[in-house]
Amino acid sequence: MLYKNEKPPVICADVDGTIILTDLLYESLLLVLKREPLTFLLLPFWLLQGRAHLKKMLAKRASTLAVDLLPLNDGVVEYLRQASNNGQRIVLASASHRSLVERVATRLGFVSEVIATDGVLNCKGAAKAQAINAHLGGEAWEYVGDSKADIKVWGFAASVVCTTASASFGRRIVAAYPGATIIPKQPMRLRTILKALRLHQWLKNVLLFAPLILAHQWFNLAALSATIAAVISFSLCASGVYLMNDLLDLEADRQHPRKRKRPCASGRMPLALGMLLAPLLFVVSFLVAYVVSPAFSFILALYFCLTTAYSYRLKAYALIDIIVLAFLYTMRIVAGGVVSEVHLSQWLLALSMFIFFSLACVKRFSELIVLQQRNESKTWGRGYSVGDLEQVAAFGTSSAYIAVLVLALYVSSKEISALYTTPEVVYLACPLLLYWVSRIWLLARRGLVHDDPLVFALRDKVTYAIAMIGLLIFVGAKW
């Protein structure tokens, strides 16, 4: 059908990337992989039977996909709603499986018909155009799309609407189809990708320097360079883990007042890009780790396995998730000791486990505070309810004060005399730590600690002041 600059009675609109800012195929794939990880082994066999069959099998297993939470392209939705109010018939024409597209149609409320992949025909490109013509029986139709795959469909449409974040792609469509309507989308920028990688979380990995610093090996250049490489490796792995966690936790994040703004949950970053970046980060991370040392590679592999288990299952179990988080922090100190070849004191390991358990409790407590403020009762994908608020606080504060006690006992031990000339001076660090952990919990109670307390601490001026005073105390005890 030749292109005409007119508004026909029927509008056929694509779904993935057009009406919704995400993709139903990747949404269903990630949901299935989260619930049934071994399904990954079946994917090649399904794909051998065709894309339509693959989409059918995924849609069948992802029947509970939270379609109502998927991020919408507001510009397109408003355009279609106004067209519907003006008497035009709205038809969804999608390459995704019919069962999922029908649920999107139900959510919108103004859609009259659905044309989609049915398990036999993969309704994409020219096949979609043919399916539309066959369904409409010769009626003129407008097509709303967003990608290069839609060019073959626009060639059959009587009117063209394109939603895109690319100015050059928009100009190309207008040049090919004069009078085409362009509905802009928010472009994905480099900072969006960097936000998804959570570079600010790399601050946690300064913990790898703890054994080197506490052992007074500040000028050991070989150990220092190895530790820096280990921090890079850990950071890349952590970014991959955060990205994987975001991909597997889309539904829960979209119900959270802050996490729903994350790049993957909000639709600002394509899921396909995230699924490509995560394994790439893991590969580079382990290559760097292997160069550092085989022993460090083993610790990193253990960290990866534990964080993967946390992302898939463990974070859903109350208390187990807190213990795992605390252990993951402590693993960074262990990794730093292995890389720098510094003997790890049992006092340091005990102190770190208790203090990090307390901080993990702060993280959960802060989430429960948000729930309480929103008059909700259950956490998103976690094993807690608002009724657990006080008990979580009790666990966390108790653990914090045990950490202070461990520090006090360390100062009284024989081991400290080998490192400090005047070890009694280190006692002054105890009230400092006592003040710091008490202040963190006080701020958490006021709802001022958001998400990760360690990242909060690393951005907190008071924390830096306490750290500087603590450094002076330890330096004074040394000399």
Foldseek 3Di string as FASTA:
>chain_A
DAAAQDAFQAAEEEPACFFFLAGPQLLLVLQCCLVPVVCVVVQVVQCVVPPLSSLVVSCVSSVVRPLLLTAGPVQRLVVVVVSLVVRGAYEYQYQHEPSSVVVNCVNSPSHDYYHYRHSRDRCWALNVLVSVCVVVVPGAYEYEEEDPRCVSNRRNHHAYEYEYQDPVVVVVVCVVRPNHHYHYDNAQDPVLVVVLLVLLVLVLLCLLCVLCVVQVVVPVVQLVVLSVLLSLLLSLLSSLLSLSLCSNQLVQLSVAPPSCPRCVNNSNDYPVVSVVSSVVSNVVSLVSQVVLDPVLSVLSVVLNVLSVCCSSPQQAEPPSNLQSQLVSSLSSNVSSCVSSVGDDDPLVSLLSSLLSSLQSLLLVLLQLVSCVVVVHFDHRSHNGGNVCNVVSNVSNLVSLVVSLVSQVVVLVDPVVVVQFVASVLLNVLSVLSVVVSVVSSVCSVVSNQHRGNVSVLVVDPVNVVSVVVSVVSRVVRRD
